[in-house]
Amino acid sequence: MTLNCFLGRVSALTLIAMVAGCSALPRSGPTEGAVYASAKATISRPDKQAGIDYALVDLNKDVLAYFDFGPPKSLTSFGVSRGGGGAPELPLGVGDVVSVTIFEAQSGGLFIPADAGSRAGNFVTIPDQTVDRSGGISVPYAGRVQVAGRLPAAVQADIENLLANRAIEPQAVITTVKSRSSQVSVLGDVNSPTKIEISQAGERVLDAIAEAGGLSTPGVETYVTLQRRGKEATVLFDTLVKNPAENIFVAPGDTIYANRERRTFLAFGATGASGRFDFAESNLTLGEALAKAGGLLDDRADPAQVFLYRTESRDVLAKIGVDVSKFTGDEIPVIMHANLRDPGEYFVTQKFPMKDKDLIYISNAKSVELTKLLSIINTISSTYGGVPSDALAAKTAVKGF
């Protein structure tokens, strides 16, 4: 091949590459240039960059100590329980429906007529009544009796004292027909949200959830929040099941809220499977997240270039030595860099905790970009080399007509 012929072929290849780069190569949509050219108005930075400042931190044993899964959430940590105490006492309250029965020692007294011998028992039951907003009920010949906030035994003693001078050795028994003041609401991701009445035996948090039909979501992703007298505490449902100390007794007026918090992370780049992935467990490490995403592709990934994108608290970054004076706000964007060519780095990734909405990116190896370029050149060269033979085949076909 002469020099002129060689140069001619190179020129032709260059021309074909330029044409192919402009329009001939397959695309899934318009080019960046076409998008910008067709816009009627454009808001953009001169450097065409996002303009978000971030910190870059290499993952190693020195920084690992500053990242953990955090203290486990607990129902006892916020003081909503007495910690292992028994079932709470249930005083009477506004809205409760109660029944009062009065016994006398013999007939002929205030409530028991002289012919009581023909009756079954020496007692009389007052019709059921609801504890009113003032917290009281009415008892014949005893008048108004304050009952709200008091235990039945104390109210019974009051009634007996009020009737002592009129009835014959009176004894009073109060029965709670409906305990509206001792109810617990169970809401959120349960099968049958409801209100349950607490019994004197005492119900625990899991009992209340069971009364509501159980959870409607996976327990590993569901948190249970207990609200009591202006305070609240939260625990993971799985922790509630595994740790009996967390399964505390509920109290009148409590609200239990079950809420699924679907924690996910994203994976892009040279991973076995890109997309969004669920944690599906209470604690997930970077190593486990990489495994969920299919690991690193042998023919594409650069193990030395594994990046984790997240926002991290200002205090944590300051502790590991980042100059946080260059950033504003309490949450700072940070990229964590892991070099998986280092065998020891695998131990670090297996201990480094993932956070909700983290993003993993694995860069292509430099050789991959070279392979792409050589593939394009080979495709163009093959096309150019086949032109003479294609022309000859066409000429032969025409002669055949």
Protein backbone atom coordinates (compact mmCIF):
# COMPACT_ATOMS: atom_id res chain seq x y z
CA MET A 1 0.00 0.00 0.00
CA THR A 2 1.40 3.41 -1.00
CA LEU A 3 1.70 6.30 1.45
CA ASN A 4 -0.94 8.29 -0.46
CA CYS A 5 -3.33 5.34 -0.30
CA PHE A 6 -2.75 4.97 3.44
CA LEU A 7 -3.30 8.66 4.06
CA GLY A 8 -6.42 8.53 1.95
CA ARG A 9 -7.81 5.73 4.03
CA VAL A 10 -7.00 7.56 7.30
CA SER A 11 -8.72 10.70 5.98
CA ALA A 12 -11.73 8.67 4.99
CA LEU A 13 -11.86 7.00 8.40
CA THR A 14 -11.67 10.40 10.09
CA LEU A 15 -14.49 11.74 7.94
CA ILE A 16 -16.66 8.70 8.58
CA ALA A 17 -16.00 9.00 12.34
CA MET A 18 -17.01 12.67 12.31
CA VAL A 19 -20.19 11.93 10.41
CA ALA A 20 -20.97 8.95 12.60
CA GLY A 21 -20.43 11.02 15.74
CA CYS A 22 -22.90 13.61 14.53
CA SER A 23 -25.81 11.55 13.32
CA ALA A 24 -25.12 8.00 12.27
CA LEU A 25 -24.56 6.33 15.65
CA PRO A 26 -27.70 4.97 17.34
CA ARG A 27 -29.15 7.06 20.19
CA SER A 28 -32.02 6.77 22.61
CA GLY A 29 -32.91 10.46 22.33
CA PRO A 30 -31.74 13.93 21.31
CA THR A 31 -28.18 15.05 21.96
CA GLU A 32 -27.22 17.62 24.60
CA GLY A 33 -26.54 20.13 21.84
CA ALA A 34 -29.99 19.59 20.33
CA VAL A 35 -31.67 20.03 23.71
CA TYR A 36 -29.88 23.31 24.44
CA ALA A 37 -30.37 24.58 20.87
CA SER A 38 -34.14 23.99 20.91
CA ALA A 39 -34.77 25.62 24.29
CA LYS A 40 -36.56 28.97 24.23
CA ALA A 41 -35.00 29.95 27.57
CA THR A 42 -32.07 28.48 29.49
CA ILE A 43 -31.00 28.81 33.12
CA SER A 44 -27.54 27.35 33.55
CA ARG A 45 -24.24 27.91 35.26
CA PRO A 46 -21.38 29.05 33.03
CA ASP A 47 -19.35 25.97 33.95
CA LYS A 48 -22.35 23.64 33.39
CA GLN A 49 -21.76 22.09 36.84
CA ALA A 50 -24.20 21.42 39.69
CA GLY A 51 -22.46 23.92 41.96
CA ILE A 52 -22.87 21.81 45.09
CA ASP A 53 -19.80 21.77 47.31
CA TYR A 54 -18.96 18.45 48.90
CA ALA A 55 -16.29 16.84 51.02
CA LEU A 56 -14.35 13.75 49.96
CA VAL A 57 -13.44 11.24 52.66
CA ASP A 58 -11.42 8.05 52.18
CA LEU A 59 -12.85 5.10 54.10
CA ASN A 60 -10.33 3.57 56.50
CA LYS A 61 -10.09 2.34 60.06
CA ASP A 62 -9.39 5.85 61.38
CA VAL A 63 -12.74 7.30 60.23
CA LEU A 64 -14.73 4.11 60.81
CA ALA A 65 -14.94 4.82 64.53
CA TYR A 66 -16.99 7.97 63.89
CA PHE A 67 -19.73 6.16 61.99
CA ASP A 68 -22.08 3.67 63.59
CA PHE A 69 -25.68 2.53 63.43
CA GLY A 70 -26.58 4.85 66.28
CA PRO A 71 -28.17 3.87 69.60
CA PRO A 72 -31.12 1.49 69.21
CA LYS A 73 -34.48 3.12 69.56
CA SER A 74 -36.31 2.13 72.72
CA LEU A 75 -39.66 2.58 74.44
CA THR A 76 -37.95 2.93 77.80
CA SER A 77 -35.31 5.50 76.85
CA PHE A 78 -37.73 8.47 76.94
CA GLY A 79 -39.26 7.69 80.30
CA VAL A 80 -42.66 6.54 79.06
CA SER A 81 -42.45 3.43 81.21
CA ARG A 82 -41.43 2.65 84.75
CA GLY A 83 -39.25 -0.04 83.26
CA GLY A 84 -40.43 -3.54 83.98
CA GLY A 85 -43.25 -2.42 86.32
CA GLY A 86 -46.53 -4.24 86.61
CA ALA A 87 -49.81 -3.46 84.94
CA PRO A 88 -51.04 0.08 85.72
CA GLU A 89 -53.97 0.57 88.07
CA LEU A 90 -57.14 1.61 86.30
CA PRO A 91 -59.02 4.41 88.11
CA LEU A 92 -62.51 5.33 87.06
CA GLY A 93 -62.79 8.18 84.60
CA VAL A 94 -65.13 10.45 82.71
CA GLY A 95 -67.22 8.49 80.22
CA ASP A 96 -67.01 5.18 82.05
CA VAL A 97 -70.30 3.31 82.49
CA VAL A 98 -70.59 1.90 86.01
CA SER A 99 -73.04 -0.15 87.99
CA VAL A 100 -73.49 0.31 91.77
CA THR A 101 -74.90 -2.46 93.94
CA ILE A 102 -75.83 -1.85 97.61
CA PHE A 103 -75.99 -4.72 100.12
CA GLU A 104 -77.64 -4.52 103.58
CA ALA A 105 -77.11 -6.85 106.50
CA GLN A 106 -80.84 -7.63 106.90
CA SER A 107 -84.23 -6.77 105.53
CA GLY A 108 -86.24 -3.83 106.69
CA GLY A 109 -83.47 -1.38 106.03
CA LEU A 110 -83.17 1.53 103.59
CA PHE A 111 -82.94 -0.53 100.42
CA ILE A 112 -84.15 -3.98 101.49
CA PRO A 113 -87.92 -4.15 102.29
CA ALA A 114 -89.34 -6.25 105.12
CA ASP A 115 -90.56 -8.92 102.70
CA ALA A 116 -87.03 -9.45 101.38
CA GLY A 117 -87.26 -13.05 102.39
CA SER A 118 -89.16 -13.72 99.16
CA ARG A 119 -86.32 -12.20 97.08
CA ALA A 120 -83.02 -13.65 96.01
CA GLY A 121 -80.39 -11.84 98.08
CA ASN A 122 -80.35 -8.75 100.22
CA PHE A 123 -79.09 -6.20 97.70
CA VAL A 124 -80.31 -3.66 95.22
CA THR A 125 -78.61 -2.65 91.96
CA ILE A 126 -78.80 0.94 90.83
CA PRO A 127 -79.28 1.41 87.05
CA ASP A 128 -76.09 1.82 85.04
CA GLN A 129 -74.89 5.39 84.73
CA THR A 130 -72.10 7.22 82.95
CA VAL A 131 -69.50 9.22 84.85
CA ASP A 132 -70.29 12.80 83.80
CA ARG A 133 -67.89 15.57 82.83
CA SER A 134 -67.63 16.72 86.42
CA GLY A 135 -66.41 13.23 87.32
CA GLY A 136 -69.34 12.17 89.49
CA ILE A 137 -72.28 9.77 89.71
CA SER A 138 -75.47 9.84 91.77
CA VAL A 139 -76.29 7.30 94.47
CA PRO A 140 -79.75 7.38 96.09
CA TYR A 141 -79.64 8.75 99.65
CA ALA A 142 -75.90 9.33 99.31
CA GLY A 143 -76.11 12.12 96.75
CA ARG A 144 -73.31 13.04 94.36
CA VAL A 145 -70.19 10.94 94.65
CA GLN A 146 -66.94 11.95 93.01
CA VAL A 147 -65.42 8.96 91.21
CA ALA A 148 -63.18 10.21 88.37
CA GLY A 149 -59.51 9.53 88.99
CA ARG A 150 -60.24 7.25 91.92
CA LEU A 151 -60.01 3.49 92.29
CA PRO A 152 -63.29 1.57 92.75
CA ALA A 153 -62.34 0.45 96.29
CA ALA A 154 -62.02 4.07 97.47
CA VAL A 155 -65.37 5.04 95.92
CA GLN A 156 -67.07 2.02 97.53
CA ALA A 157 -65.80 3.09 100.95
CA ASP A 158 -67.18 6.62 100.41
CA ILE A 159 -70.63 5.31 99.50
CA GLU A 160 -70.69 3.04 102.55
CA ASN A 161 -69.79 5.96 104.84
CA LEU A 162 -72.48 8.19 103.32
CA LEU A 163 -75.14 5.51 103.87
CA ALA A 164 -73.91 4.29 107.26
CA ASN A 165 -76.48 6.31 109.28
CA ARG A 166 -79.44 5.32 107.10
CA ALA A 167 -78.90 1.78 105.89
CA ILE A 168 -78.23 -1.40 107.89
CA GLU A 169 -74.51 -2.12 107.69
CA PRO A 170 -74.34 -1.13 103.99
CA GLN A 171 -71.77 -2.62 101.62
CA ALA A 172 -71.23 -1.14 98.16
CA VAL A 173 -69.85 -2.84 95.05
CA ILE A 174 -68.95 -0.88 91.92
CA THR A 175 -68.69 -2.73 88.63
CA THR A 176 -67.25 -1.12 85.48
CA VAL A 177 -69.61 -1.94 82.64
CA LYS A 178 -67.70 -0.03 79.97
CA SER A 179 -64.28 1.53 80.53
CA ARG A 180 -64.15 4.37 78.04
CA SER A 181 -61.47 6.24 79.99
CA SER A 182 -59.09 3.26 79.92
CA GLN A 183 -58.75 2.85 76.19
CA VAL A 184 -55.72 2.70 73.92
CA SER A 185 -55.76 3.73 70.25
CA VAL A 186 -53.84 1.58 67.76
CA LEU A 187 -53.29 3.29 64.40
CA GLY A 188 -51.09 3.24 61.31
CA ASP A 189 -49.86 0.17 59.45
CA VAL A 190 -52.05 -2.38 61.22
CA ASN A 191 -54.75 -4.52 59.65
CA SER A 192 -57.63 -3.16 61.76
CA PRO A 193 -56.99 0.21 63.43
CA THR A 194 -59.05 0.29 66.60
CA LYS A 195 -59.50 1.35 70.21
CA ILE A 196 -59.07 -1.32 72.85
CA GLU A 197 -60.15 -1.35 76.47
CA ILE A 198 -57.48 -2.15 79.03
CA SER A 199 -58.33 -4.81 81.54
CA GLN A 200 -57.14 -5.06 85.13
CA ALA A 201 -54.84 -7.88 84.02
CA GLY A 202 -52.94 -5.38 81.89
CA GLU A 203 -52.15 -5.34 78.17
CA ARG A 204 -48.73 -4.87 76.66
CA VAL A 205 -47.82 -3.13 73.41
CA LEU A 206 -47.78 -6.37 71.41
CA ASP A 207 -51.17 -7.31 72.89
CA ALA A 208 -52.61 -4.03 71.64
CA ILE A 209 -51.15 -4.54 68.16
CA ALA A 210 -52.57 -8.08 68.11
CA GLU A 211 -56.02 -6.69 69.00
CA ALA A 212 -55.69 -4.43 65.95
CA GLY A 213 -55.12 -7.41 63.66
CA GLY A 214 -51.33 -7.30 63.65
CA LEU A 215 -49.04 -5.41 61.29
CA SER A 216 -49.87 -4.96 57.63
CA THR A 217 -46.22 -4.30 56.72
CA PRO A 218 -42.90 -6.16 57.18
CA GLY A 219 -41.81 -6.03 60.81
CA VAL A 220 -38.18 -5.37 59.88
CA GLU A 221 -39.18 -2.02 58.32
CA THR A 222 -41.93 -1.03 60.75
CA TYR A 223 -41.44 1.22 63.75
CA VAL A 224 -43.84 1.37 66.69
CA THR A 225 -44.32 4.72 68.41
CA LEU A 226 -45.93 5.01 71.83
CA GLN A 227 -47.39 8.39 72.80
CA ARG A 228 -48.22 9.05 76.45
CA ARG A 229 -49.00 12.31 78.24
CA GLY A 230 -47.17 14.51 75.76
CA LYS A 231 -44.14 12.23 75.46
CA GLU A 232 -43.33 9.64 72.84
CA ALA A 233 -40.80 6.92 72.15
CA THR A 234 -40.17 4.69 69.16
CA VAL A 235 -38.84 1.18 68.70
CA LEU A 236 -38.37 -1.13 65.73
CA PHE A 237 -41.05 -3.82 65.73
CA ASP A 238 -38.46 -6.58 65.47
CA THR A 239 -36.75 -5.20 68.57
CA LEU A 240 -40.10 -5.16 70.34
CA VAL A 241 -40.52 -8.86 69.56
CA LYS A 242 -36.97 -9.95 70.39
CA ASN A 243 -36.50 -7.90 73.56
CA PRO A 244 -39.23 -8.57 76.18
CA ALA A 245 -38.13 -5.51 78.18
CA GLU A 246 -39.40 -3.29 75.37
CA ASN A 247 -42.85 -4.89 75.43
CA ILE A 248 -44.10 -2.66 78.24
CA PHE A 249 -47.61 -2.34 79.65
CA VAL A 250 -49.83 0.24 78.01
CA ALA A 251 -51.69 2.82 80.08
CA PRO A 252 -55.06 4.58 79.70
CA GLY A 253 -54.97 7.23 76.98
CA ASP A 254 -51.93 5.81 75.18
CA THR A 255 -51.70 5.98 71.40
CA ILE A 256 -49.75 3.33 69.52
CA TYR A 257 -48.76 4.17 65.96
CA ALA A 258 -47.19 1.62 63.62
CA ASN A 259 -45.34 3.18 60.68
CA ARG A 260 -43.40 1.52 57.92
CA GLU A 261 -40.21 3.39 57.07
CA ARG A 262 -39.06 1.96 53.78
CA ARG A 263 -35.33 2.53 53.77
CA THR A 264 -33.65 2.32 50.37
CA PHE A 265 -30.37 3.02 48.64
CA LEU A 266 -29.42 3.57 45.00
CA ALA A 267 -26.66 1.85 43.03
CA PHE A 268 -25.26 3.06 39.68
CA GLY A 269 -22.27 2.47 37.46
CA ALA A 270 -20.38 -0.78 37.05
CA THR A 271 -22.57 -2.80 39.42
CA GLY A 272 -24.15 -6.14 38.73
CA ALA A 273 -27.62 -4.58 39.01
CA SER A 274 -28.29 -0.84 39.03
CA GLY A 275 -31.43 0.53 40.65
CA ARG A 276 -33.11 1.12 43.99
CA PHE A 277 -32.77 -1.50 46.70
CA ASP A 278 -34.54 -2.01 50.04
CA PHE A 279 -32.53 -2.44 53.21
CA ALA A 280 -34.82 -5.36 54.20
CA GLU A 281 -33.06 -5.51 57.58
CA SER A 282 -32.55 -3.26 60.55
CA ASN A 283 -28.81 -2.65 60.02
CA LEU A 284 -27.13 -2.73 56.61
CA THR A 285 -23.42 -2.27 55.92
CA LEU A 286 -21.73 -0.96 52.78
CA GLY A 287 -20.39 -4.43 52.04
CA GLU A 288 -23.87 -5.93 52.25
CA ALA A 289 -25.28 -3.14 50.08
CA LEU A 290 -22.68 -3.84 47.39
CA ALA A 291 -23.67 -7.50 47.47
CA LYS A 292 -27.36 -6.59 47.12
CA ALA A 293 -26.50 -4.55 44.03
CA GLY A 294 -24.79 -7.54 42.42
CA GLY A 295 -21.24 -6.64 43.37
CA LEU A 296 -18.68 -5.18 40.96
CA LEU A 297 -18.65 -6.18 37.30
CA ASP A 298 -15.38 -7.97 36.53
CA ASP A 299 -15.15 -6.63 32.97
CA ARG A 300 -16.05 -3.01 33.77
CA ALA A 301 -15.54 -1.92 37.36
CA ASP A 302 -12.50 -0.26 38.85
CA PRO A 303 -12.34 -1.69 42.40
CA ALA A 304 -10.27 1.28 43.51
CA GLN A 305 -13.08 3.72 42.63
CA VAL A 306 -16.11 2.87 44.78
CA PHE A 307 -17.99 5.96 45.96
CA LEU A 308 -20.80 6.45 48.46
CA TYR A 309 -22.80 9.71 48.25
CA ARG A 310 -24.71 11.01 51.27
CA THR A 311 -25.23 14.01 53.53
CA GLU A 312 -23.53 13.82 56.91
CA SER A 313 -23.77 15.90 60.05
CA ARG A 314 -21.37 18.80 60.45
CA ASP A 315 -20.22 17.55 63.84
CA VAL A 316 -19.21 14.11 62.57
CA LEU A 317 -17.21 15.53 59.66
CA ALA A 318 -15.47 17.98 61.97
CA LYS A 319 -14.43 15.11 64.26
CA ILE A 320 -12.76 13.22 61.41
CA GLY A 321 -10.81 16.28 60.32
CA VAL A 322 -12.85 17.86 57.51
CA ASP A 323 -12.53 21.65 57.29
CA VAL A 324 -16.24 22.37 57.77
CA SER A 325 -15.67 26.14 57.71
CA LYS A 326 -15.97 25.92 53.92
CA PHE A 327 -19.56 24.70 54.22
CA THR A 328 -22.82 26.10 55.55
CA GLY A 329 -25.64 24.26 57.28
CA ASP A 330 -25.76 21.34 59.69
CA GLU A 331 -25.83 18.71 56.92
CA ILE A 332 -22.90 18.60 54.48
CA PRO A 333 -22.75 16.62 51.20
CA VAL A 334 -19.95 14.09 51.36
CA ILE A 335 -18.54 11.40 49.10
CA MET A 336 -17.02 8.42 50.86
CA HIS A 337 -14.30 6.73 48.79
CA ALA A 338 -13.48 3.03 49.16
CA ASN A 339 -10.49 1.36 47.50
CA LEU A 340 -11.41 -2.30 47.14
CA ARG A 341 -8.04 -3.14 45.61
CA ASP A 342 -6.84 -3.01 49.21
CA PRO A 343 -7.72 -6.34 50.87
CA GLY A 344 -8.14 -4.66 54.25
CA GLU A 345 -10.78 -2.32 52.84
CA TYR A 346 -13.27 -5.18 52.74
CA PHE A 347 -13.23 -5.31 56.53
CA VAL A 348 -13.98 -1.57 56.59
CA THR A 349 -16.93 -1.87 54.17
CA GLN A 350 -18.36 -4.72 56.23
CA LYS A 351 -18.49 -2.42 59.28
CA PHE A 352 -19.43 0.87 57.65
CA PRO A 353 -23.18 1.54 58.20
CA MET A 354 -25.49 2.53 55.37
CA LYS A 355 -28.05 5.31 55.80
CA ASP A 356 -31.44 5.73 54.19
CA LYS A 357 -31.21 7.24 50.67
CA ASP A 358 -27.46 6.61 50.27
CA LEU A 359 -26.16 6.38 46.70
CA ILE A 360 -23.41 4.00 45.58
CA TYR A 361 -21.48 4.69 42.38
CA ILE A 362 -18.78 2.41 40.95
CA SER A 363 -16.60 3.91 38.25
CA ASN A 364 -15.53 2.13 35.06
CA ALA A 365 -11.91 1.07 34.77
CA LYS A 366 -9.80 3.20 32.42
CA SER A 367 -9.29 0.20 30.14
CA VAL A 368 -13.05 0.08 29.52
CA GLU A 369 -13.00 3.51 27.90
CA LEU A 370 -10.10 2.43 25.68
CA THR A 371 -11.99 -0.72 24.71
CA LYS A 372 -14.99 1.38 23.72
CA LEU A 373 -12.81 3.60 21.52
CA LEU A 374 -11.13 0.62 19.84
CA SER A 375 -14.53 -0.97 19.24
CA ILE A 376 -15.77 2.16 17.45
CA ILE A 377 -12.60 2.38 15.36
CA ASN A 378 -12.90 -1.30 14.45
CA THR A 379 -16.53 -0.83 13.42
CA ILE A 380 -15.68 2.15 11.22
CA SER A 381 -12.66 0.39 9.70
CA SER A 382 -14.73 -2.66 8.86
CA THR A 383 -17.35 -0.50 7.21
CA TYR A 384 -14.75 1.37 5.11
CA GLY A 385 -13.00 -1.84 4.09
CA GLY A 386 -16.26 -3.38 2.94
CA VAL A 387 -17.22 -0.56 0.58
CA PRO A 388 -15.33 -1.89 -2.54
CA SER A 389 -16.71 -5.41 -2.12
CA ASP A 390 -20.22 -4.08 -1.59
CA ALA A 391 -19.93 -1.99 -4.76
CA LEU A 392 -18.70 -5.01 -6.77
CA ALA A 393 -21.57 -7.14 -5.48
CA ALA A 394 -24.05 -4.46 -6.47
CA LYS A 395 -22.51 -4.17 -9.98
CA THR A 396 -22.75 -7.93 -10.46
CA ALA A 397 -26.35 -7.97 -9.35
CA VAL A 398 -27.26 -5.24 -11.85
CA LYS A 399 -25.64 -7.16 -14.69
CA GLY A 400 -27.77 -10.14 -13.82
CA PHE A 401 -31.00 -8.34 -14.79
